[in-house]
C-alpha atoms as a PDB file:
ATOM      1  CA  MET A   1      -8.034 -35.331  99.359  1.00  0.00           C
ATOM      2  CA  SER A   2      -9.246 -38.847  98.723  1.00  0.00           C
ATOM      3  CA  PHE A   3     -11.417 -41.633 100.117  1.00  0.00           C
ATOM      4  CA  THR A   4     -11.970 -45.368  99.803  1.00  0.00           C
ATOM      5  CA  ILE A   5     -15.469 -46.814  99.672  1.00  0.00           C
ATOM      6  CA  ASP A   6     -16.691 -49.620 101.887  1.00  0.00           C
ATOM      7  CA  PHE A   7     -20.189 -51.101 101.684  1.00  0.00           C
ATOM      8  CA  ALA A   8     -21.977 -51.565 104.994  1.00  0.00           C
ATOM      9  CA  GLU A   9     -23.019 -55.107 105.831  1.00  0.00           C
ATOM     10  CA  GLY A  10     -25.926 -56.260 103.674  1.00  0.00           C
ATOM     11  CA  ILE A  11     -25.602 -53.441 101.126  1.00  0.00           C
ATOM     12  CA  LYS A  12     -24.994 -54.572  97.560  1.00  0.00           C
ATOM     13  CA  PRO A  13     -23.722 -52.496  94.615  1.00  0.00           C
ATOM     14  CA  SER A  14     -26.231 -51.554  91.931  1.00  0.00           C
ATOM     15  CA  VAL A  15     -25.807 -53.146  88.523  1.00  0.00           C
ATOM     16  CA  ARG A  16     -25.589 -49.742  86.888  1.00  0.00           C
ATOM     17  CA  SER A  17     -22.770 -48.161  88.879  1.00  0.00           C
ATOM     18  CA  ASP A  18     -20.997 -51.494  89.513  1.00  0.00           C
ATOM     19  CA  LEU A  19     -19.001 -50.276  92.511  1.00  0.00           C
ATOM     20  CA  SER A  20     -16.880 -52.562  94.657  1.00  0.00           C
ATOM     21  CA  ASN A  21     -15.386 -52.505  98.133  1.00  0.00           C
ATOM     22  CA  GLY A  22     -11.980 -50.877  98.305  1.00  0.00           C
ATOM     23  CA  LEU A  23     -12.470 -48.642  95.272  1.00  0.00           C
ATOM     24  CA  HIS A  24     -10.278 -45.590  95.788  1.00  0.00           C
ATOM     25  CA  PHE A  25     -11.156 -42.050  94.716  1.00  0.00           C
ATOM     26  CA  SER A  26      -8.908 -38.987  94.561  1.00  0.00           C
ATOM     27  CA  LEU A  27      -9.807 -35.382  93.878  1.00  0.00           C
ATOM     28  CA  HIS A  28     -10.077 -34.911  90.113  1.00  0.00           C
ATOM     29  CA  ASP A  29      -7.376 -32.729  88.587  1.00  0.00           C
ATOM     30  CA  LYS A  30     -10.108 -30.640  86.929  1.00  0.00           C
ATOM     31  CA  SER A  31     -11.912 -30.003  90.202  1.00  0.00           C
ATOM     32  CA  LYS A  32     -11.645 -26.496  91.660  1.00  0.00           C
ATOM     33  CA  TYR A  33     -12.641 -27.649  95.135  1.00  0.00           C
ATOM     34  CA  ILE A  34     -10.262 -26.566  97.891  1.00  0.00           C
ATOM     35  CA  LEU A  35     -10.019 -28.514 101.132  1.00  0.00           C
ATOM     36  CA  PRO A  36     -11.265 -26.510 104.159  1.00  0.00           C
ATOM     37  CA  LYS A  37      -8.428 -24.710 105.950  1.00  0.00           C
ATOM     38  CA  GLU A  38      -8.657 -26.727 109.177  1.00  0.00           C
ATOM     39  CA  ALA A  39      -8.586 -30.058 107.332  1.00  0.00           C
ATOM     40  CA  SER A  40      -5.710 -28.928 105.114  1.00  0.00           C
ATOM     41  CA  GLU A  41      -3.691 -27.801 108.146  1.00  0.00           C
ATOM     42  CA  GLY A  42      -4.304 -31.181 109.789  1.00  0.00           C
ATOM     43  CA  GLU A  43      -2.944 -33.069 106.791  1.00  0.00           C
ATOM     44  CA  ASN A  44       0.088 -30.770 106.542  1.00  0.00           C
ATOM     45  CA  LYS A  45       0.834 -31.224 110.258  1.00  0.00           C
ATOM     46  CA  ARG A  46       0.792 -35.023 109.976  1.00  0.00           C
ATOM     47  CA  SER A  47       3.035 -34.796 106.906  1.00  0.00           C
ATOM     48  CA  ILE A  48       5.581 -32.609 108.732  1.00  0.00           C
ATOM     49  CA  GLN A  49       5.615 -35.050 111.651  1.00  0.00           C
ATOM     50  CA  ASN A  50       6.218 -37.927 109.196  1.00  0.00           C
ATOM     51  CA  ARG A  51       2.946 -39.491 110.266  1.00  0.00           C
ATOM     52  CA  PRO A  52       0.959 -41.262 107.538  1.00  0.00           C
ATOM     53  CA  VAL A  53      -2.110 -39.436 106.317  1.00  0.00           C
ATOM     54  CA  GLU A  54      -4.882 -42.005 106.632  1.00  0.00           C
ATOM     55  CA  THR A  55      -7.284 -42.289 103.714  1.00  0.00           C
ATOM     56  CA  PRO A  56     -10.850 -41.725 104.961  1.00  0.00           C
ATOM     57  CA  ILE A  57     -13.248 -44.650 104.562  1.00  0.00           C
ATOM     58  CA  LEU A  58     -16.557 -43.691 102.986  1.00  0.00           C
ATOM     59  CA  THR A  59     -19.110 -46.169 104.326  1.00  0.00           C
ATOM     60  CA  ILE A  60     -22.016 -46.701 101.931  1.00  0.00           C
ATOM     61  CA  ASN A  61     -25.231 -47.401 103.831  1.00  0.00           C
ATOM     62  CA  GLN A  62     -28.065 -47.217 101.297  1.00  0.00           C
ATOM     63  CA  TYR A  63     -28.846 -46.957  97.595  1.00  0.00           C
ATOM     64  CA  LEU A  64     -31.067 -43.922  97.075  1.00  0.00           C
ATOM     65  CA  TYR A  65     -31.967 -43.866  93.379  1.00  0.00           C
ATOM     66  CA  GLY A  66     -30.677 -43.733  89.827  1.00  0.00           C
ATOM     67  CA  GLY A  67     -30.826 -40.370  88.093  1.00  0.00           C
ATOM     68  CA  HIS A  68     -30.456 -39.386  84.454  1.00  0.00           C
ATOM     69  CA  LEU A  69     -26.712 -40.099  84.489  1.00  0.00           C
ATOM     70  CA  TRP A  70     -25.664 -40.691  88.075  1.00  0.00           C
ATOM     71  CA  ASP A  71     -26.405 -43.176  90.837  1.00  0.00           C
ATOM     72  CA  PHE A  72     -27.004 -41.745  94.310  1.00  0.00           C
ATOM     73  CA  TRP A  73     -25.874 -43.465  97.511  1.00  0.00           C
ATOM     74  CA  LEU A  74     -26.316 -42.470 101.141  1.00  0.00           C
ATOM     75  CA  ALA A  75     -22.984 -42.710 102.925  1.00  0.00           C
ATOM     76  CA  HIS A  76     -21.026 -41.672 105.996  1.00  0.00           C
ATOM     77  CA  HIS A  77     -17.739 -39.789 105.796  1.00  0.00           C
ATOM     78  CA  PRO A  78     -15.537 -39.671 108.936  1.00  0.00           C
ATOM     79  CA  HIS A  79     -15.013 -35.908 108.574  1.00  0.00           C
ATOM     80  CA  TYR A  80     -18.137 -34.683 106.762  1.00  0.00           C
ATOM     81  CA  GLY A  81     -20.740 -36.924 108.390  1.00  0.00           C
ATOM     82  CA  LYS A  82     -23.850 -37.927 106.450  1.00  0.00           C
ATOM     83  CA  VAL A  83     -23.222 -37.402 102.742  1.00  0.00           C
ATOM     84  CA  VAL A  84     -24.520 -38.369  99.327  1.00  0.00           C
ATOM     85  CA  LEU A  85     -22.153 -40.092  96.923  1.00  0.00           C
ATOM     86  CA  LYS A  86     -23.147 -39.178  93.388  1.00  0.00           C
ATOM     87  CA  VAL A  87     -21.312 -41.654  91.152  1.00  0.00           C
ATOM     88  CA  ILE A  88     -21.179 -42.822  87.545  1.00  0.00           C
ATOM     89  CA  ASN A  89     -19.464 -45.708  85.783  1.00  0.00           C
ATOM     90  CA  THR A  90     -18.361 -43.848  82.657  1.00  0.00           C
ATOM     91  CA  PHE A  91     -17.638 -47.117  80.819  1.00  0.00           C
ATOM     92  CA  ASN A  92     -21.229 -48.311  81.266  1.00  0.00           C
ATOM     93  CA  HIS A  93     -23.455 -45.318  81.935  1.00  0.00           C
ATOM     94  CA  PRO A  94     -27.212 -45.099  81.203  1.00  0.00           C
ATOM     95  CA  CYS A  95     -26.907 -42.578  78.343  1.00  0.00           C
ATOM     96  CA  TRP A  96     -24.340 -44.449  76.251  1.00  0.00           C
ATOM     97  CA  ASP A  97     -26.502 -45.206  73.165  1.00  0.00           C
ATOM     98  CA  PRO A  98     -25.927 -42.641  70.339  1.00  0.00           C
ATOM     99  CA  ASN A  99     -29.256 -43.646  68.788  1.00  0.00           C
ATOM    100  CA  LEU A 100     -31.230 -42.242  71.731  1.00  0.00           C
ATOM    101  CA  ASP A 101     -32.130 -38.617  72.440  1.00  0.00           C
ATOM    102  CA  ASP A 102     -30.501 -38.601  75.887  1.00  0.00           C
ATOM    103  CA  TYR A 103     -27.117 -39.767  74.546  1.00  0.00           C
ATOM    104  CA  VAL A 104     -24.127 -38.316  76.401  1.00  0.00           C
ATOM    105  CA  PRO A 105     -20.695 -39.022  74.859  1.00  0.00           C
ATOM    106  CA  TYR A 106     -18.025 -40.333  77.201  1.00  0.00           C
ATOM    107  CA  LYS A 107     -15.923 -37.185  76.731  1.00  0.00           C
ATOM    108  CA  ASP A 108     -18.850 -34.965  77.771  1.00  0.00           C
ATOM    109  CA  ILE A 109     -19.463 -36.627  81.138  1.00  0.00           C
ATOM    110  CA  ILE A 110     -16.590 -34.817  82.833  1.00  0.00           C
ATOM    111  CA  LYS A 111     -17.860 -31.574  81.262  1.00  0.00           C
ATOM    112  CA  GLU A 112     -21.258 -32.135  82.875  1.00  0.00           C
ATOM    113  CA  ALA A 113     -19.598 -32.818  86.236  1.00  0.00           C
ATOM    114  CA  THR A 114     -17.354 -29.745  86.162  1.00  0.00           C
ATOM    115  CA  ARG A 115     -20.274 -27.629  84.944  1.00  0.00           C
ATOM    116  CA  GLU A 116     -22.339 -28.607  87.974  1.00  0.00           C
ATOM    117  CA  GLU A 117     -19.344 -27.983  90.228  1.00  0.00           C
ATOM    118  CA  SER A 118     -19.051 -24.481  88.764  1.00  0.00           C
ATOM    119  CA  PHE A 119     -22.479 -23.658  90.220  1.00  0.00           C
ATOM    120  CA  TYR A 120     -21.685 -24.935  93.729  1.00  0.00           C
ATOM    121  CA  LEU A 121     -18.316 -23.156  93.808  1.00  0.00           C
ATOM    122  CA  GLY A 122     -19.516 -20.091  91.884  1.00  0.00           C
ATOM    123  CA  PRO A 123     -22.849 -18.278  92.282  1.00  0.00           C
ATOM    124  CA  LEU A 124     -24.197 -20.763  94.846  1.00  0.00           C
ATOM    125  CA  LYS A 125     -21.113 -20.846  97.077  1.00  0.00           C
ATOM    126  CA  GLU A 126     -22.587 -18.496  99.686  1.00  0.00           C
ATOM    127  CA  LEU A 127     -25.819 -20.539  99.759  1.00  0.00           C
ATOM    128  CA  GLN A 128     -24.149 -23.820 100.725  1.00  0.00           C
ATOM    129  CA  GLU A 129     -25.632 -25.299 103.932  1.00  0.00           C
ATOM    130  CA  THR A 130     -28.617 -22.934 103.763  1.00  0.00           C
ATOM    131  CA  VAL A 131     -30.257 -23.383 100.341  1.00  0.00           C
ATOM    132  CA  VAL A 132     -28.040 -25.954  98.604  1.00  0.00           C
ATOM    133  CA  PRO A 133     -26.021 -28.791 100.156  1.00  0.00           C
ATOM    134  CA  LYS A 134     -22.388 -28.272 101.088  1.00  0.00           C
ATOM    135  CA  TYR A 135     -20.145 -29.382  98.245  1.00  0.00           C
ATOM    136  CA  PHE A 136     -17.115 -31.607  98.933  1.00  0.00           C
ATOM    137  CA  GLY A 137     -15.551 -31.974  95.504  1.00  0.00           C
ATOM    138  CA  LEU A 138     -15.375 -33.967  92.272  1.00  0.00           C
ATOM    139  CA  TYR A 139     -13.401 -37.220  92.396  1.00  0.00           C
ATOM    140  CA  SER A 140     -12.009 -39.834  90.016  1.00  0.00           C
ATOM    141  CA  SER A 141     -11.062 -43.496  90.443  1.00  0.00           C
ATOM    142  CA  GLY A 142      -7.959 -43.091  88.264  1.00  0.00           C
ATOM    143  CA  LYS A 143      -6.379 -41.729  85.090  1.00  0.00           C
ATOM    144  CA  THR A 144      -9.083 -43.123  82.787  1.00  0.00           C
ATOM    145  CA  ASP A 145     -11.941 -41.667  84.858  1.00  0.00           C
ATOM    146  CA  ARG A 146     -13.734 -45.002  84.811  1.00  0.00           C
ATOM    147  CA  TYR A 147     -15.652 -43.834  87.860  1.00  0.00           C
ATOM    148  CA  LEU A 148     -16.466 -40.220  88.607  1.00  0.00           C
ATOM    149  CA  ALA A 149     -17.972 -39.177  91.921  1.00  0.00           C
ATOM    150  CA  ILE A 150     -19.302 -36.033  93.550  1.00  0.00           C
ATOM    151  CA  LEU A 151     -19.618 -35.737  97.324  1.00  0.00           C
ATOM    152  CA  LEU A 152     -22.423 -33.612  98.750  1.00  0.00           C
ATOM    153  CA  GLU A 153     -23.845 -32.962 102.175  1.00  0.00           C
ATOM    154  CA  TYR A 154     -26.999 -35.047 102.692  1.00  0.00           C
ATOM    155  CA  GLY A 155     -29.872 -32.708 101.873  1.00  0.00           C
ATOM    156  CA  GLY A 156     -32.820 -34.840 102.981  1.00  0.00           C
ATOM    157  CA  GLN A 157     -35.765 -36.526 101.270  1.00  0.00           C
ATOM    158  CA  SER A 158     -37.256 -35.193  98.037  1.00  0.00           C
ATOM    159  CA  ILE A 159     -40.876 -34.026  97.951  1.00  0.00           C
ATOM    160  CA  GLY A 160     -41.429 -36.387  95.006  1.00  0.00           C
ATOM    161  CA  ALA A 161     -41.304 -36.181  91.227  1.00  0.00           C
ATOM    162  CA  GLY A 162     -45.051 -36.320  90.606  1.00  0.00           C
ATOM    163  CA  TYR A 163     -47.946 -34.027  91.476  1.00  0.00           C
ATOM    164  CA  VAL A 164     -47.935 -32.894  95.109  1.00  0.00           C
ATOM    165  CA  GLU A 165     -50.266 -30.688  97.141  1.00  0.00           C
ATOM    166  CA  LEU A 166     -48.423 -28.566  99.655  1.00  0.00           C
ATOM    167  CA  HIS A 167     -49.405 -26.564 102.713  1.00  0.00           C
ATOM    168  CA  LYS A 168     -48.964 -22.815 102.239  1.00  0.00           C
ATOM    169  CA  ASP A 169     -46.034 -22.777 104.672  1.00  0.00           C
ATOM    170  CA  TRP A 170     -44.137 -25.283 102.522  1.00  0.00           C
ATOM    171  CA  LYS A 171     -44.950 -23.333  99.386  1.00  0.00           C
ATOM    172  CA  LYS A 172     -43.405 -20.244 100.975  1.00  0.00           C
ATOM    173  CA  LYS A 173     -40.274 -22.205 101.891  1.00  0.00           C
ATOM    174  CA  ILE A 174     -39.875 -23.469  98.324  1.00  0.00           C
ATOM    175  CA  TYR A 175     -40.494 -20.023  96.837  1.00  0.00           C
ATOM    176  CA  GLU A 176     -37.931 -18.489  99.190  1.00  0.00           C
ATOM    177  CA  ALA A 177     -35.293 -21.136  98.392  1.00  0.00           C
ATOM    178  CA  TYR A 178     -35.706 -20.535  94.677  1.00  0.00           C
ATOM    179  CA  LYS A 179     -35.665 -16.795  95.228  1.00  0.00           C
ATOM    180  CA  GLN A 180     -32.243 -17.091  96.839  1.00  0.00           C
ATOM    181  CA  ILE A 181     -30.715 -18.910  93.865  1.00  0.00           C
ATOM    182  CA  HIS A 182     -32.491 -16.588  91.427  1.00  0.00           C
ATOM    183  CA  LEU A 183     -31.012 -13.524  93.115  1.00  0.00           C
ATOM    184  CA  LYS A 184     -27.600 -15.144  92.585  1.00  0.00           C
ATOM    185  CA  GLY A 185     -28.377 -15.306  88.876  1.00  0.00           C
ATOM    186  CA  VAL A 186     -29.083 -19.039  88.700  1.00  0.00           C
ATOM    187  CA  CYS A 187     -32.012 -20.327  86.662  1.00  0.00           C
ATOM    188  CA  HIS A 188     -32.549 -23.911  87.790  1.00  0.00           C
ATOM    189  CA  PHE A 189     -34.369 -25.002  84.610  1.00  0.00           C
ATOM    190  CA  ASP A 190     -35.707 -28.274  86.068  1.00  0.00           C
ATOM    191  CA  LEU A 191     -38.421 -27.615  88.673  1.00  0.00           C
ATOM    192  CA  GLY A 192     -39.178 -31.277  89.323  1.00  0.00           C
ATOM    193  CA  GLY A 193     -39.920 -32.189  92.937  1.00  0.00           C
ATOM    194  CA  GLN A 194     -37.132 -34.771  92.920  1.00  0.00           C
ATOM    195  CA  HIS A 195     -34.711 -31.826  93.057  1.00  0.00           C
ATOM    196  CA  ILE A 196     -36.401 -30.223  96.070  1.00  0.00           C
ATOM    197  CA  LEU A 197     -35.261 -31.827  99.318  1.00  0.00           C
ATOM    198  CA  VAL A 198     -36.427 -31.463 102.915  1.00  0.00           C
ATOM    199  CA  ASN A 199     -33.826 -32.133 105.604  1.00  0.00           C
ATOM    200  CA  ASP A 200     -34.222 -33.260 109.218  1.00  0.00           C
ATOM    201  CA  HIS A 201     -34.656 -29.640 110.335  1.00  0.00           C
ATOM    202  CA  GLN A 202     -37.581 -29.065 107.953  1.00  0.00           C
ATOM    203  CA  GLU A 203     -35.412 -26.908 105.694  1.00  0.00           C
ATOM    204  CA  ILE A 204     -35.443 -26.854 101.901  1.00  0.00           C
ATOM    205  CA  ARG A 205     -32.359 -27.826  99.909  1.00  0.00           C
ATOM    206  CA  LEU A 206     -32.196 -27.527  96.117  1.00  0.00           C
ATOM    207  CA  VAL A 207     -30.022 -29.893  94.072  1.00  0.00           C
ATOM    208  CA  SER A 208     -29.145 -30.937  90.504  1.00  0.00           C
ATOM    209  CA  PHE A 209     -27.720 -28.018  88.545  1.00  0.00           C
ATOM    210  CA  ARG A 210     -26.385 -29.855  85.481  1.00  0.00           C
ATOM    211  CA  ARG A 211     -28.979 -28.184  83.245  1.00  0.00           C
ATOM    212  CA  SER A 212     -29.038 -24.812  84.988  1.00  0.00           C
ATOM    213  CA  ASN A 213     -28.076 -21.450  83.509  1.00  0.00           C
ATOM    214  CA  LYS A 214     -26.003 -18.606  84.909  1.00  0.00           C
ATOM    215  CA  LEU A 215     -27.712 -15.294  84.269  1.00  0.00           C
ATOM    216  CA  ASP A 216     -26.916 -11.658  84.998  1.00  0.00           C
ATOM    217  CA  VAL A 217     -29.422 -10.002  87.341  1.00  0.00           C
ATOM    218  CA  LYS A 218     -28.215  -6.629  86.039  1.00  0.00           C
ATOM    219  CA  LYS A 219     -29.501  -7.405  82.540  1.00  0.00           C
ATOM    220  CA  ARG A 220     -33.144  -6.891  81.620  1.00  0.00           C
ATOM    221  CA  GLN A 221     -33.528 -10.004  79.435  1.00  0.00           C
ATOM    222  CA  ASP A 222     -31.934 -12.241  82.056  1.00  0.00           C
ATOM    223  CA  VAL A 223     -34.255 -10.911  84.755  1.00  0.00           C
ATOM    224  CA  LEU A 224     -37.233 -11.627  82.494  1.00  0.00           C
ATOM    225  CA  ARG A 225     -35.972 -15.193  82.076  1.00  0.00           C
ATOM    226  CA  ILE A 226     -35.766 -15.557  85.848  1.00  0.00           C
ATOM    227  CA  LEU A 227     -39.303 -14.197  86.230  1.00  0.00           C
ATOM    228  CA  GLU A 228     -40.483 -16.827  83.758  1.00  0.00           C
ATOM    229  CA  GLU A 229     -39.109 -19.529  86.056  1.00  0.00           C
ATOM    230  CA  VAL A 230     -40.631 -17.860  89.133  1.00  0.00           C
ATOM    231  CA  TYR A 231     -43.956 -17.810  87.310  1.00  0.00           C
ATOM    232  CA  ALA A 232     -43.638 -21.496  86.327  1.00  0.00           C
ATOM    233  CA  LEU A 233     -42.704 -22.387  89.904  1.00  0.00           C
ATOM    234  CA  ARG A 234     -45.779 -20.641  91.339  1.00  0.00           C
ATOM    235  CA  LEU A 235     -48.077 -22.335  88.854  1.00  0.00           C
ATOM    236  CA  ARG A 236     -46.568 -25.746  89.553  1.00  0.00           C
ATOM    237  CA  TYR A 237     -46.584 -25.636  93.341  1.00  0.00           C
ATOM    238  CA  GLY A 238     -48.945 -22.774  94.111  1.00  0.00           C
ATOM    239  CA  GLY A 239     -51.906 -23.793  91.999  1.00  0.00           C
ATOM    240  CA  LYS A 240     -52.692 -20.214  90.972  1.00  0.00           C
ATOM    241  CA  SER A 241     -54.289 -19.531  87.609  1.00  0.00           C
ATOM    242  CA  GLU A 242     -52.487 -17.434  85.014  1.00  0.00           C
ATOM    243  CA  LYS A 243     -55.082 -14.658  85.391  1.00  0.00           C
ATOM    244  CA  LYS A 244     -54.296 -14.224  89.088  1.00  0.00           C
ATOM    245  CA  LEU A 245     -50.523 -14.339  88.781  1.00  0.00           C
ATOM    246  CA  LYS A 246     -48.740 -11.383  87.176  1.00  0.00           C
ATOM    247  CA  TYR A 247     -45.043 -10.580  86.940  1.00  0.00           C
ATOM    248  CA  ASN A 248     -45.590  -7.131  88.438  1.00  0.00           C
ATOM    249  CA  THR A 249     -46.964  -8.664  91.660  1.00  0.00           C
ATOM    250  CA  LEU A 250     -43.701 -10.501  92.369  1.00  0.00           C
ATOM    251  CA  SER A 251     -41.049  -9.183  94.758  1.00  0.00           C
ATOM    252  CA  PRO A 252     -39.165  -6.106  93.469  1.00  0.00           C
ATOM    253  CA  ASP A 253     -35.993  -7.811  94.724  1.00  0.00           C
ATOM    254  CA  TYR A 254     -35.885  -9.656  91.408  1.00  0.00           C
ATOM    255  CA  TRP A 255     -35.254  -6.460  89.412  1.00  0.00           C
ATOM    256  CA  SER A 256     -33.652  -4.301  92.107  1.00  0.00           C
ATOM    257  CA  GLN A 257     -30.152  -4.687  90.597  1.00  0.00           C
ATOM    258  CA  LEU A 258     -31.152  -3.465  87.142  1.00  0.00           C
ATOM    259  CA  PRO A 259     -29.808  -0.047  86.040  1.00  0.00           C
ATOM    260  CA  ASP A 260     -33.370   1.360  86.097  1.00  0.00           C
ATOM    261  CA  PRO A 261     -35.639  -0.784  88.319  1.00  0.00           C
ATOM    262  CA  GLN A 262     -38.507   1.715  88.158  1.00  0.00           C
ATOM    263  CA  ALA A 263     -38.642   1.670  84.355  1.00  0.00           C
ATOM    264  CA  PHE A 264     -38.653  -2.122  84.403  1.00  0.00           C
ATOM    265  CA  LYS A 265     -41.520  -2.179  86.926  1.00  0.00           C
ATOM    266  CA  GLU A 266     -43.498   0.237  84.754  1.00  0.00           C
ATOM    267  CA  HIS A 267     -42.975  -2.103  81.802  1.00  0.00           C
ATOM    268  CA  LEU A 268     -44.314  -5.023  83.869  1.00  0.00           C
ATOM    269  CA  ASP A 269     -47.327  -2.929  84.921  1.00  0.00           C
ATOM    270  CA  GLU A 270     -48.044  -2.040  81.312  1.00  0.00           C
ATOM    271  CA  CYS A 271     -47.876  -5.689  80.252  1.00  0.00           C
ATOM    272  CA  ALA A 272     -50.115  -6.748  83.150  1.00  0.00           C
ATOM    273  CA  ASN A 273     -52.787  -4.201  82.233  1.00  0.00           C
ATOM    274  CA  ARG A 274     -52.668  -4.882  78.530  1.00  0.00           C
ATOM    275  CA  VAL A 275     -55.942  -6.237  77.158  1.00  0.00           C
ATOM    276  CA  VAL A 276     -55.711  -8.695  74.296  1.00  0.00           C
ATOM    277  CA  ARG A 277     -58.762  -8.400  72.069  1.00  0.00           C
ATOM    278  CA  LEU A 278     -59.492 -11.447  69.935  1.00  0.00           C
ATOM    279  CA  PRO A 279     -61.476 -11.401  66.676  1.00  0.00           C
ATOM    280  CA  PRO A 280     -65.194 -12.250  67.149  1.00  0.00           C
ATOM    281  CA  GLU A 281     -64.836 -15.528  65.233  1.00  0.00           C
ATOM    282  CA  VAL A 282     -62.070 -16.677  67.582  1.00  0.00           C
ATOM    283  CA  VAL A 283     -64.134 -15.748  70.645  1.00  0.00           C
ATOM    284  CA  ALA A 284     -67.154 -17.581  69.200  1.00  0.00           C
ATOM    285  CA  TYR A 285     -65.087 -20.687  68.451  1.00  0.00           C
ATOM    286  CA  ASN A 286     -63.738 -20.850  71.991  1.00  0.00           C
END
């Protein structure tokens, strides 16, 4: 399980990631990714027949953008098709300065990568190709991990990091995508539009789980935390005021796996109907 990168004609490496033609990547020894059965059988068959197993060439076609830690490239893989190469030069990454708040020590970079992988191969595994992109593994350029790379199915264009106004149909699609990861116990944490993609089939794909949390949908406090994110999501993309949006009006699917869903719903109803009375001087001031 490896690949060699090759830049398409006219495409130049970014200064930050500093990639070069011919750079070889192999599956990282800390990666839990397992090659699909059909691909694995193909490699084993060629090995038995004493035929060389050719290293796939990953053709890089376009620089997409630079994220917090990683650079993102649009590429073509001979077996996986259109993919995104998420890569970092660990010797010269953007969060190297210990004097800055976003400092990430060299030794922690691989931890961030394996943590994100744990979401794709764990709670989100069944949502690959429907809500999140298909995951193709974590790779390294060698023993020193100078370059680390993650291969993902191309998920489409982002809706944008800034303020966006969406048609109600798109709002529903975004809400439903988030609902699917929430029901798997994943709290995304970062609701920025740059992590919400739209593919060629007008489907939503969610990405970037390095800051996400794994929660237990059978625990009351964890469900409340998920509802907080649902609430924040609706306010951000739905434009509803806090007075109109109440936890108890959300889908009961969110608390259906609790030991006592009815008691939890009654608690939400009680909170929704609670009237907060402010002192007269506070009311007058406001």
